[in-house]
Amino acid sequence: MAMDSDLSMILPRVLIVSRRTVRKNKFVDFVGEYHLDLIVSYGAVPVIVPRVHGLHMLLDSFEPIHGVLLCEGEDIDPSLYDSQLSDFSPEELQQIKQLHASDTAIDREKDTIELRLAKLCLEKNIPFLGICRGSQILNVASGGTLYQDVEKEILKKCPENRRVVHINYDDYDQHRHVVRLVEDTPLCKWFGGCLEGEKMEIRVNSYHHQGVKRLAERFVPMAFAEDGLVEGFYDPDCYDPEEGKFIMGLQFHPERMRRQGSDEFDYPGCPSAYREFVKAVIAYEKKLKGLDRIRKAPKLDMEELEKKRNIVVRSFSIAKDLYSTGRGIVSAQESELEPGAQFLEANTALSRQQEKRLKQMGATVRNSSVYIDSLRMMRMVNEERERVARTIMAKMSIDQLSDLSSFYHLMSQICSDALDRKLNGLIINE
C-alpha cells in the first residue's frame, strides 16, 4: 500500500554533501540539523552524500537527483579558480592558517564531489542552493574566482568606516553585520517587508574568511556587505520556482539567523530561500516524471507494422491500377482490395459521392483534384489548430501540462491498440 511505502520513493530528493571532522580519533561525517529540518519541513527528502574517497565517480548512483544543497565546509582549493596564490607573504599565510585553522585544511575530495554536483545542476538546470561555502562552489563551477582571505585582500584596502567583520569566533551564532539588498531580486522580495523606511538593509550572520572576488557572468548580485563583498547572487534565467528553476548562492546563513535561546527567526524572510528552493525541487521532480512517461510510452513493433503497411500499400496500388486502366475487378483481387478500403474508410474524411464511387469500383484511392484540395484544406485547418494549441499550452502550468501529457499518452496507447486490432482483423480475413 502507498501508506507503507518508503517516503524517499514518493517525495523529491535533495542531495547534501557532508563535512568531515574528527571525533575520538575517528572521522565523522555530518550535516547541520537546521538545513535538514528546513528541507523536510517544506516537503523534500534530504539525501546525505558522504565525503568518501572516490565517491565523485559514483554520483550516478544517487539519481534521480531533484535538487542539490551545498553548505559549509573547508576552504576550496585555490588551484581550482586561481593559477597562483594571492600575493601573501609567508608570515601572512601563517597568520591565516592559525586564525582559521578549522577552514584552511583543504579537502580536495569534498571539492571534487561538490564541483561535479554543481556543474551537473548547471548543465541540467537542477535546482541548486548554495549556502556559505556552497555559494563559493557555485561561483567557481561557473567560472568565477574567490578572495582567499577577505580580511587580507579587502579590509586592508577598505576605509575604516566600511570595514566588516565577517566571522567572530567569540560570538559565533549571534554575530551580525549589515548587507544592502539589490532591488527586484528574490532576496529583496523575501525581506522586503522587514526593511526600515527606504533603507535596503538587513543584518545577517556569516562565518567565512573567503568570498566571491569575481562573480561569474551568468549571475546577478542580490546583496552586498558594506565593504563591497557579494553576499548573495542568483541566475535570473534559471529562477522560477513554480517551473522547477532555482540557481542561487548565499554567503550568509539564513537558517541560523535565530534569536538567542529561541528557534524564532530574526526576520520572517529567513527561511524563504529553503521554501522556494524546495518548491522548485518539487516542480522539477514533476517535470522529470512527465519526461519519464514520454520515454516509457509504448513502443510499436516496427517489423509487424511494416508488414501491415505493405499489405495496405499493395491494396492502394491495385486499386489505382484498376482505376487508371478501367479494367474490371478480378475475383482474386477482391481480398487484396479490402484492407485498403477499410483503412481508407477508417482514416480519411470523404464526401458521400466519393464514398459511393469508391465502393462501386472497389477502389481505395482516388486520384482527383477534389480529393487533393480537401487534403490541402485539412492541412491548413490542422496548422491553425496547432498554433492555437501551442499558444494555450504556453500558458499552462507544469501540473496541467503533465496531466495533459499523461492523458494523450493514454489515448495514444488506446489508439495503437485499436489500430492493431483492426489491422490484425484485416490480415485474418485476408
Foldseek 3Di string as FASTA:
>chain_A
DVVPDDVQVVFFEEEEEWEWDDDPNDIDTDDDVLLQVLLVVLTHHYDYDYLDPPCLVVVVVVPPHLEYEYEDYADEDQVLQDVDAPPDDPVRVVVVCVVPVRHPPHDVSVLSNLLSVLLVCVVVLRAYEYEAVGLVSNQSSLRFHKRPFCCVPQVVVFPPVQDDDQADPVCGQPDKAKKAFDPPDPVCVLCVVVDDDPGRIDIFHAHDGMATDGGRPQKDAGIAGSSGTGQKIWRPVQDDLLQLGHGIYGNTQLSRQADPPDNHHPGSSSSVNSNSSSSSSRNSVLVVVLVVCVVVQDDDPVVVVVVLVVLLVVLQVVLVVCVVVVDADDPVCLLSVVSLQVVCVVPDDDDPVVNVVCVVRSHNDDPDPVRVVVVVVVVVVVVVVVVVVVVVVVPDGSVVVSVVSVVVSVVVVVVVVVVVVSSVVSVVVD
